[in-house]
């Protein structure tokens, strides 16, 4: 670079420029800085980004995720979760479950039990399993009519409180926890009875919508053995609080969206008995108009198939013989539909048919309906 500055300085002196050496040195320094910047930028183009730079580009901060503030790509992924607010009937169902369970647990424990609904939220199945505080008991149950599964989770506080109450623990005393050991057979059986009561109350809560049977399949203490859905599938998480004076704990019910899919239409209702896409006033008006509609009815004495050649040879005065007697019943039809049968007679100056069988109400098939519509179009 010094040689380049000397050459530029000599050239500037030949042209009579003042301070030629200083100007040539300044130009050489500028060229040197430009080369170093170019080299650094070239090296940066081939450099691999680390995880922190990738997270910054995507807008994802692990500290914000841990604290519950999801953003960037994480918020985009979680936006696929179905909000339970789209199923307004769930609030009514679980409110009924709270009332039913409060009464049932009072009878079960002979104690003053208060059950309250803490929250209803949408979660991913994997996230829920990872968030369960251990030790806990997970009950896997099957919804028979829906042909799918759900989970009821009872935390350790409620487990020991129920055991203490059922085994004669005094009021005003805190249940003693024995950590670091598995639950005994007696404890598991007592908790099983409580869960069966909760599932029976859940059947009553869903009864106005649909008849359902919840059968308890098994009890687990390890969340990994209670996998009933894919890890990324969305589910409804319902959290209940059970208080028995100074004791109590939490019960959680998890229902994957695949489980409640068969009754999705009922859960979309805003209130019990709501009908979608129907107008009862219009239905009544339509029924009234149909009852007053005029319908042509034919009394058919006999039907026979004749060859076309015989029909073409018919002459005036020729007689066709049918194998029908005057006392044989005639068929009463509306179009191609057989309604009833009767006997032909006379009433005054008119020929009449006496109906001798109740009116048959057949279900018109699609083909018969199309034929009837076609005939009406041909007549018009």
Protein backbone atom coordinates (compact mmCIF):
# COMPACT_ATOMS: atom_id res chain seq x y z
CA UNK A 1 0.00 0.00 0.00
CA UNK A 2 3.01 2.36 0.64
CA UNK A 3 4.25 1.74 -2.94
CA UNK A 4 0.79 2.65 -4.25
CA UNK A 5 0.81 5.89 -2.22
CA UNK A 6 4.30 6.82 -3.56
CA UNK A 7 3.20 6.28 -7.17
CA UNK A 8 0.09 8.44 -6.67
CA UNK A 9 2.18 11.13 -4.96
CA UNK A 10 4.66 11.27 -7.88
CA UNK A 11 1.83 11.54 -10.36
CA UNK A 12 0.21 14.39 -8.41
CA UNK A 13 3.56 16.28 -8.18
CA UNK A 14 3.99 16.08 -11.95
CA UNK A 15 0.56 17.74 -12.30
CA UNK A 16 1.61 20.51 -9.89
CA UNK A 17 -0.75 19.58 -7.03
CA UNK A 18 0.20 20.96 -3.61
CA UNK A 19 0.65 18.49 -0.68
CA UNK A 20 0.68 15.63 -3.17
CA UNK A 21 2.26 13.18 -0.70
CA UNK A 22 -0.36 13.81 2.02
CA UNK A 23 -3.28 13.49 -0.42
CA UNK A 24 -1.87 10.24 -1.87
CA UNK A 25 -1.49 8.76 1.64
CA UNK A 26 -5.11 9.68 2.46
CA UNK A 27 -6.38 7.99 -0.70
CA UNK A 28 -4.37 4.85 0.10
CA UNK A 29 -5.85 4.73 3.62
CA UNK A 30 -9.38 4.99 2.23
CA UNK A 31 -8.72 2.12 -0.18
CA UNK A 32 -7.31 0.03 2.68
CA UNK A 33 -10.45 0.59 4.80
CA UNK A 34 -12.69 -0.31 1.90
CA UNK A 35 -10.85 -3.59 1.32
CA UNK A 36 -11.14 -4.60 4.97
CA UNK A 37 -14.92 -3.85 5.01
CA UNK A 38 -15.39 -5.86 1.84
CA UNK A 39 -13.47 -8.79 3.32
CA UNK A 40 -15.55 -8.71 6.51
CA UNK A 41 -18.84 -8.58 4.60
CA UNK A 42 -17.73 -11.49 2.42
CA UNK A 43 -16.87 -13.58 5.46
CA UNK A 44 -20.27 -12.69 7.05
CA UNK A 45 -22.18 -13.95 4.00
CA UNK A 46 -20.84 -17.46 4.56
CA UNK A 47 -21.26 -17.42 8.37
CA UNK A 48 -23.89 -19.72 9.94
CA UNK A 49 -26.42 -18.00 12.26
CA UNK A 50 -26.60 -19.23 15.83
CA UNK A 51 -29.85 -20.10 17.65
CA UNK A 52 -30.11 -16.70 19.34
CA UNK A 53 -29.89 -14.84 16.03
CA UNK A 54 -32.48 -17.18 14.51
CA UNK A 55 -34.87 -16.60 17.44
CA UNK A 56 -34.42 -12.85 17.08
CA UNK A 57 -35.22 -13.01 13.37
CA UNK A 58 -38.35 -15.09 14.04
CA UNK A 59 -39.45 -12.91 16.94
CA UNK A 60 -39.29 -15.70 19.53
CA UNK A 61 -37.79 -15.13 22.97
CA UNK A 62 -37.40 -18.18 25.20
CA UNK A 63 -37.68 -16.05 28.36
CA UNK A 64 -40.99 -14.62 27.16
CA UNK A 65 -42.19 -18.12 26.34
CA UNK A 66 -41.38 -19.37 29.84
CA UNK A 67 -43.19 -16.43 31.40
CA UNK A 68 -46.24 -17.04 29.21
CA UNK A 69 -45.70 -14.22 26.68
CA UNK A 70 -45.72 -16.07 23.36
CA UNK A 71 -44.94 -14.15 20.19
CA UNK A 72 -43.57 -14.59 16.73
CA UNK A 73 -43.54 -18.09 15.34
CA UNK A 74 -44.78 -19.59 18.63
CA UNK A 75 -47.88 -17.40 18.57
CA UNK A 76 -48.47 -18.41 14.96
CA UNK A 77 -48.34 -22.11 15.89
CA UNK A 78 -50.60 -21.72 18.92
CA UNK A 79 -53.15 -19.77 16.88
CA UNK A 80 -54.26 -23.13 15.47
CA UNK A 81 -55.80 -24.04 18.82
CA UNK A 82 -59.58 -24.05 18.78
CA UNK A 83 -61.03 -21.63 21.31
CA UNK A 84 -63.57 -23.27 23.58
CA UNK A 85 -65.65 -20.05 23.44
CA UNK A 86 -66.86 -21.31 20.07
CA UNK A 87 -68.73 -24.05 21.99
CA UNK A 88 -70.94 -22.01 24.35
CA UNK A 89 -72.91 -25.04 25.58
CA UNK A 90 -69.79 -26.31 27.41
CA UNK A 91 -70.23 -23.64 30.09
CA UNK A 92 -73.76 -24.81 30.80
CA UNK A 93 -72.75 -28.48 30.87
CA UNK A 94 -69.91 -27.96 33.33
CA UNK A 95 -72.02 -25.67 35.51
CA UNK A 96 -74.46 -28.55 35.80
CA UNK A 97 -71.54 -30.83 36.61
CA UNK A 98 -70.47 -28.54 39.46
CA UNK A 99 -73.94 -28.65 41.01
CA UNK A 100 -74.26 -32.41 40.61
CA UNK A 101 -70.78 -33.11 41.98
CA UNK A 102 -71.27 -30.86 44.99
CA UNK A 103 -74.31 -32.86 46.09
CA UNK A 104 -72.74 -36.24 45.30
CA UNK A 105 -69.48 -35.58 47.15
CA UNK A 106 -71.38 -34.31 50.18
CA UNK A 107 -73.25 -37.61 50.30
CA UNK A 108 -70.04 -39.54 49.66
CA UNK A 109 -67.93 -37.90 52.37
CA UNK A 110 -70.68 -36.81 54.81
CA UNK A 111 -68.82 -33.50 54.99
CA UNK A 112 -69.40 -29.94 53.87
CA UNK A 113 -68.01 -30.06 50.32
CA UNK A 114 -67.95 -27.10 47.94
CA UNK A 115 -67.08 -27.65 44.28
CA UNK A 116 -66.29 -24.63 42.09
CA UNK A 117 -65.34 -24.22 38.45
CA UNK A 118 -61.92 -22.58 38.18
CA UNK A 119 -61.39 -22.35 34.43
CA UNK A 120 -62.10 -23.81 31.01
CA UNK A 121 -59.32 -23.51 28.46
CA UNK A 122 -57.89 -25.00 25.28
CA UNK A 123 -54.53 -26.74 25.54
CA UNK A 124 -52.37 -29.11 23.57
CA UNK A 125 -52.32 -32.64 24.90
CA UNK A 126 -48.53 -32.78 25.22
CA UNK A 127 -48.38 -29.46 27.09
CA UNK A 128 -50.99 -30.66 29.56
CA UNK A 129 -49.18 -33.91 30.36
CA UNK A 130 -45.96 -32.00 30.96
CA UNK A 131 -47.72 -29.55 33.30
CA UNK A 132 -49.26 -32.11 35.68
CA UNK A 133 -47.71 -31.71 39.17
CA UNK A 134 -46.68 -35.09 40.53
CA UNK A 135 -47.64 -37.11 42.46
CA UNK A 136 -51.14 -37.35 41.05
CA UNK A 137 -53.65 -39.97 39.93
CA UNK A 138 -54.84 -39.94 36.32
CA UNK A 139 -58.05 -41.79 35.48
CA UNK A 140 -58.50 -42.76 31.83
CA UNK A 141 -62.18 -43.14 30.93
CA UNK A 142 -63.96 -44.03 27.71
CA UNK A 143 -67.01 -42.27 26.29
CA UNK A 144 -68.85 -45.27 24.90
CA UNK A 145 -71.24 -43.55 22.47
CA UNK A 146 -68.50 -41.22 21.20
CA UNK A 147 -65.96 -44.07 20.95
CA UNK A 148 -63.12 -42.01 22.39
CA UNK A 149 -61.33 -41.27 25.65
CA UNK A 150 -60.79 -38.58 28.28
CA UNK A 151 -58.74 -38.05 31.45
CA UNK A 152 -59.65 -37.05 35.00
CA UNK A 153 -56.68 -35.91 37.08
CA UNK A 154 -56.78 -35.68 40.90
CA UNK A 155 -53.91 -33.86 42.58
CA UNK A 156 -52.18 -35.08 45.73
CA UNK A 157 -53.81 -32.50 48.03
CA UNK A 158 -57.31 -33.70 47.21
CA UNK A 159 -56.25 -37.35 47.33
CA UNK A 160 -54.96 -37.11 50.90
CA UNK A 161 -57.89 -34.92 51.94
CA UNK A 162 -60.45 -37.44 50.65
CA UNK A 163 -58.59 -40.33 52.27
CA UNK A 164 -58.39 -38.46 55.57
CA UNK A 165 -62.12 -37.67 55.53
CA UNK A 166 -63.24 -41.17 54.51
CA UNK A 167 -61.02 -42.86 57.09
CA UNK A 168 -62.29 -40.77 59.98
CA UNK A 169 -59.88 -37.86 60.14
CA UNK A 170 -60.96 -35.09 62.49
CA UNK A 171 -62.13 -31.72 61.26
CA UNK A 172 -59.80 -28.78 61.55
CA UNK A 173 -56.72 -30.94 61.00
CA UNK A 174 -54.57 -30.85 57.91
CA UNK A 175 -54.18 -34.09 55.99
CA UNK A 176 -50.73 -35.63 56.52
CA UNK A 177 -48.83 -36.26 53.34
CA UNK A 178 -46.36 -39.08 52.99
CA UNK A 179 -44.22 -38.09 50.04
CA UNK A 180 -41.89 -40.38 48.17
CA UNK A 181 -44.01 -43.52 48.22
CA UNK A 182 -46.59 -44.95 45.80
CA UNK A 183 -50.28 -44.91 46.66
CA UNK A 184 -51.55 -47.98 48.47
CA UNK A 185 -54.34 -50.22 47.23
CA UNK A 186 -56.77 -48.77 49.77
CA UNK A 187 -55.95 -45.23 48.68
CA UNK A 188 -56.34 -46.11 45.01
CA UNK A 189 -59.72 -47.76 45.62
CA UNK A 190 -61.03 -44.77 47.57
CA UNK A 191 -59.94 -42.38 44.83
CA UNK A 192 -61.47 -44.71 42.24
CA UNK A 193 -64.85 -44.46 43.98
CA UNK A 194 -64.65 -40.67 43.97
CA UNK A 195 -63.76 -40.59 40.26
CA UNK A 196 -66.64 -42.94 39.43
CA UNK A 197 -68.98 -40.52 41.20
CA UNK A 198 -67.61 -37.60 39.17
CA UNK A 199 -68.03 -39.54 35.90
CA UNK A 200 -71.60 -40.48 36.82
CA UNK A 201 -72.35 -36.81 37.45
CA UNK A 202 -70.75 -35.94 34.10
CA UNK A 203 -73.20 -38.32 32.42
CA UNK A 204 -76.07 -36.44 34.05
CA UNK A 205 -74.59 -33.11 32.99
CA UNK A 206 -74.45 -34.20 29.33
CA UNK A 207 -77.87 -35.91 29.48
CA UNK A 208 -79.91 -32.92 28.13
CA UNK A 209 -77.67 -32.90 25.04
CA UNK A 210 -77.09 -36.60 24.45
CA UNK A 211 -77.10 -39.93 26.22
CA UNK A 212 -73.51 -40.85 27.09
CA UNK A 213 -71.82 -43.47 29.22
CA UNK A 214 -68.40 -42.78 30.79
CA UNK A 215 -66.64 -46.00 31.77
CA UNK A 216 -63.53 -45.85 33.93
CA UNK A 217 -60.81 -47.81 32.15
CA UNK A 218 -57.76 -47.59 34.43
CA UNK A 219 -55.86 -45.49 36.96
CA UNK A 220 -52.33 -44.27 36.26
CA UNK A 221 -49.73 -42.39 38.29
CA UNK A 222 -47.36 -41.75 35.38
CA UNK A 223 -48.65 -39.26 32.78
CA UNK A 224 -46.77 -41.05 30.00
CA UNK A 225 -49.02 -44.09 30.48
CA UNK A 226 -52.16 -41.95 30.06
CA UNK A 227 -51.57 -41.02 26.42
CA UNK A 228 -54.98 -41.04 24.75
CA UNK A 229 -54.30 -38.57 21.94
CA UNK A 230 -51.53 -37.29 19.69
CA UNK A 231 -49.14 -34.88 21.43
CA UNK A 232 -50.07 -31.86 19.29
CA UNK A 233 -53.84 -32.42 19.31
CA UNK A 234 -56.01 -29.76 20.93
CA UNK A 235 -58.17 -30.55 23.95
CA UNK A 236 -60.56 -28.92 26.40
CA UNK A 237 -59.18 -28.62 29.96
CA UNK A 238 -61.70 -28.06 32.76
CA UNK A 239 -60.33 -27.32 36.24
CA UNK A 240 -62.46 -27.78 39.37
CA UNK A 241 -61.70 -26.81 42.94
CA UNK A 242 -62.98 -29.07 45.74
CA UNK A 243 -63.00 -27.50 49.22
CA UNK A 244 -63.83 -29.33 52.45
CA UNK A 245 -63.56 -26.57 55.06
CA UNK A 246 -59.78 -26.25 55.49
CA UNK A 247 -58.90 -29.14 53.18
CA UNK A 248 -59.27 -29.81 49.49
CA UNK A 249 -57.55 -29.79 46.14
CA UNK A 250 -58.10 -29.76 42.39
CA UNK A 251 -59.74 -32.06 39.89
CA UNK A 252 -59.08 -31.62 36.18
CA UNK A 253 -61.03 -33.12 33.27
CA UNK A 254 -59.40 -33.26 29.85
CA UNK A 255 -61.53 -33.92 26.76
CA UNK A 256 -59.76 -33.99 23.38
CA UNK A 257 -61.68 -32.21 20.64
CA UNK A 258 -61.87 -35.53 18.80
CA UNK A 259 -63.85 -36.93 21.74
CA UNK A 260 -66.58 -34.26 21.70
CA UNK A 261 -66.71 -34.01 17.90
CA UNK A 262 -69.86 -36.23 17.65
CA UNK A 263 -71.87 -33.66 19.64
CA UNK A 264 -70.29 -30.55 18.17
CA UNK A 265 -73.63 -29.37 16.74
CA UNK A 266 -75.25 -29.56 20.18
CA UNK A 267 -72.32 -27.75 21.82
CA UNK A 268 -72.68 -24.89 19.32
CA UNK A 269 -76.10 -24.05 20.75
CA UNK A 270 -76.46 -20.96 22.91
CA UNK A 271 -79.13 -22.54 25.12
CA UNK A 272 -80.79 -25.91 25.67
CA UNK A 273 -83.13 -26.96 22.85
CA UNK A 274 -81.97 -24.38 20.34
CA UNK A 275 -82.68 -25.37 16.74
CA UNK A 276 -80.34 -24.28 13.97
CA UNK A 277 -81.62 -23.24 10.57
CA UNK A 278 -85.31 -23.77 11.47
CA UNK A 279 -88.21 -21.37 11.77
CA UNK A 280 -91.11 -22.89 13.72
CA UNK A 281 -93.52 -20.17 12.53
CA UNK A 282 -92.73 -20.90 8.90
CA UNK A 283 -92.98 -24.66 9.55
CA UNK A 284 -96.46 -24.22 11.03
CA UNK A 285 -97.58 -22.05 8.13
CA UNK A 286 -96.20 -24.55 5.60
CA UNK A 287 -97.95 -27.45 7.34
CA UNK A 288 -101.26 -25.56 7.29
CA UNK A 289 -100.98 -24.81 3.59
CA UNK A 290 -100.06 -28.42 2.82
CA UNK A 291 -103.14 -29.68 4.68
CA UNK A 292 -105.34 -27.37 2.58
CA UNK A 293 -103.70 -28.33 -0.71
CA UNK A 294 -105.83 -30.06 -3.39
CA UNK A 295 -104.67 -33.57 -4.29
CA UNK A 296 -105.99 -35.76 -7.10
CA UNK A 297 -106.77 -39.33 -6.05
CA UNK A 298 -107.44 -42.16 -8.53
CA UNK A 299 -109.54 -45.28 -7.90
CA UNK A 300 -107.90 -48.01 -9.95
CA UNK A 301 -109.98 -51.12 -10.54
CA UNK A 302 -107.44 -53.07 -12.57
CA UNK A 303 -104.03 -52.68 -14.15
CA UNK A 304 -102.71 -55.01 -16.83
CA UNK A 305 -99.81 -54.94 -19.25
CA UNK A 306 -100.80 -55.47 -22.91
CA UNK A 307 -98.49 -55.83 -25.90
CA UNK A 308 -98.21 -52.85 -28.19
CA UNK A 309 -99.41 -54.89 -31.19
CA UNK A 310 -102.71 -55.60 -29.41
CA UNK A 311 -103.19 -51.93 -28.58
CA UNK A 312 -102.59 -50.97 -32.22
CA UNK A 313 -105.19 -53.51 -33.37
CA UNK A 314 -107.97 -52.17 -31.15
CA UNK A 315 -111.18 -51.29 -33.02
CA UNK A 316 -114.33 -49.43 -32.11
CA UNK A 317 -116.73 -51.64 -30.21
CA UNK A 318 -114.14 -54.21 -29.22
CA UNK A 319 -114.41 -55.50 -25.64
CA UNK A 320 -111.47 -56.01 -23.26
CA UNK A 321 -111.95 -58.60 -20.56
CA UNK A 322 -110.37 -58.16 -17.13
CA UNK A 323 -110.19 -60.76 -14.39
CA UNK A 324 -111.99 -58.51 -11.86
CA UNK A 325 -115.36 -59.01 -10.18
CA UNK A 326 -117.64 -56.14 -9.06
CA UNK A 327 -117.00 -57.08 -5.43
CA UNK A 328 -113.22 -57.03 -5.70
CA UNK A 329 -111.44 -54.17 -3.90
CA UNK A 330 -110.12 -51.24 -5.87
CA UNK A 331 -106.83 -49.48 -5.21
CA UNK A 332 -106.84 -45.82 -4.19
CA UNK A 333 -103.69 -44.11 -5.48
CA UNK A 334 -102.15 -40.66 -5.53
CA UNK A 335 -99.93 -40.71 -8.56
CA UNK A 336 -97.84 -43.88 -8.31
CA UNK A 337 -98.27 -44.17 -4.54
CA UNK A 338 -100.78 -46.68 -3.16
CA UNK A 339 -102.72 -45.07 -0.31
CA UNK A 340 -105.44 -47.56 0.63
CA UNK A 341 -108.08 -49.84 -0.85
CA UNK A 342 -111.89 -49.99 -0.85
CA UNK A 343 -115.02 -51.35 -2.48
CA UNK A 344 -116.79 -49.64 -5.34
CA UNK A 345 -120.44 -48.67 -4.98
CA UNK A 346 -122.97 -45.90 -5.60
CA UNK A 347 -123.95 -42.95 -3.46
CA UNK A 348 -126.94 -41.14 -4.93
CA UNK A 349 -126.15 -40.33 -8.53
CA UNK A 350 -122.40 -40.78 -8.10
CA UNK A 351 -120.06 -43.72 -8.15
CA UNK A 352 -118.27 -44.00 -4.79
CA UNK A 353 -115.51 -45.99 -3.12
CA UNK A 354 -115.89 -47.21 0.44
CA UNK A 355 -112.47 -47.24 2.16
CA UNK A 356 -111.99 -50.47 4.09
CA UNK A 357 -108.33 -50.11 5.22
CA UNK A 358 -106.51 -47.37 7.14
CA UNK A 359 -104.50 -44.88 5.15
CA UNK A 360 -100.97 -46.07 4.54
CA UNK A 361 -98.25 -43.45 4.81
CA UNK A 362 -95.34 -44.74 2.75
CA UNK A 363 -91.96 -43.07 2.71
CA UNK A 364 -91.48 -41.79 -0.80
CA UNK A 365 -88.17 -42.76 -2.29
CA UNK A 366 -86.05 -40.33 -4.24
CA UNK A 367 -86.83 -42.14 -7.49
CA UNK A 368 -90.59 -42.01 -6.86
CA UNK A 369 -90.35 -38.33 -5.98
CA UNK A 370 -88.48 -37.60 -9.19
CA UNK A 371 -91.13 -39.49 -11.20
CA UNK A 372 -93.93 -37.56 -9.53
CA UNK A 373 -92.23 -34.24 -10.23
CA UNK A 374 -91.64 -35.25 -13.84
CA UNK A 375 -95.32 -36.11 -14.29
CA UNK A 376 -96.38 -32.77 -12.83
CA UNK A 377 -94.04 -30.99 -15.24
CA UNK A 378 -95.47 -32.93 -18.18
CA UNK A 379 -99.02 -31.96 -17.18
CA UNK A 380 -98.13 -28.29 -17.00
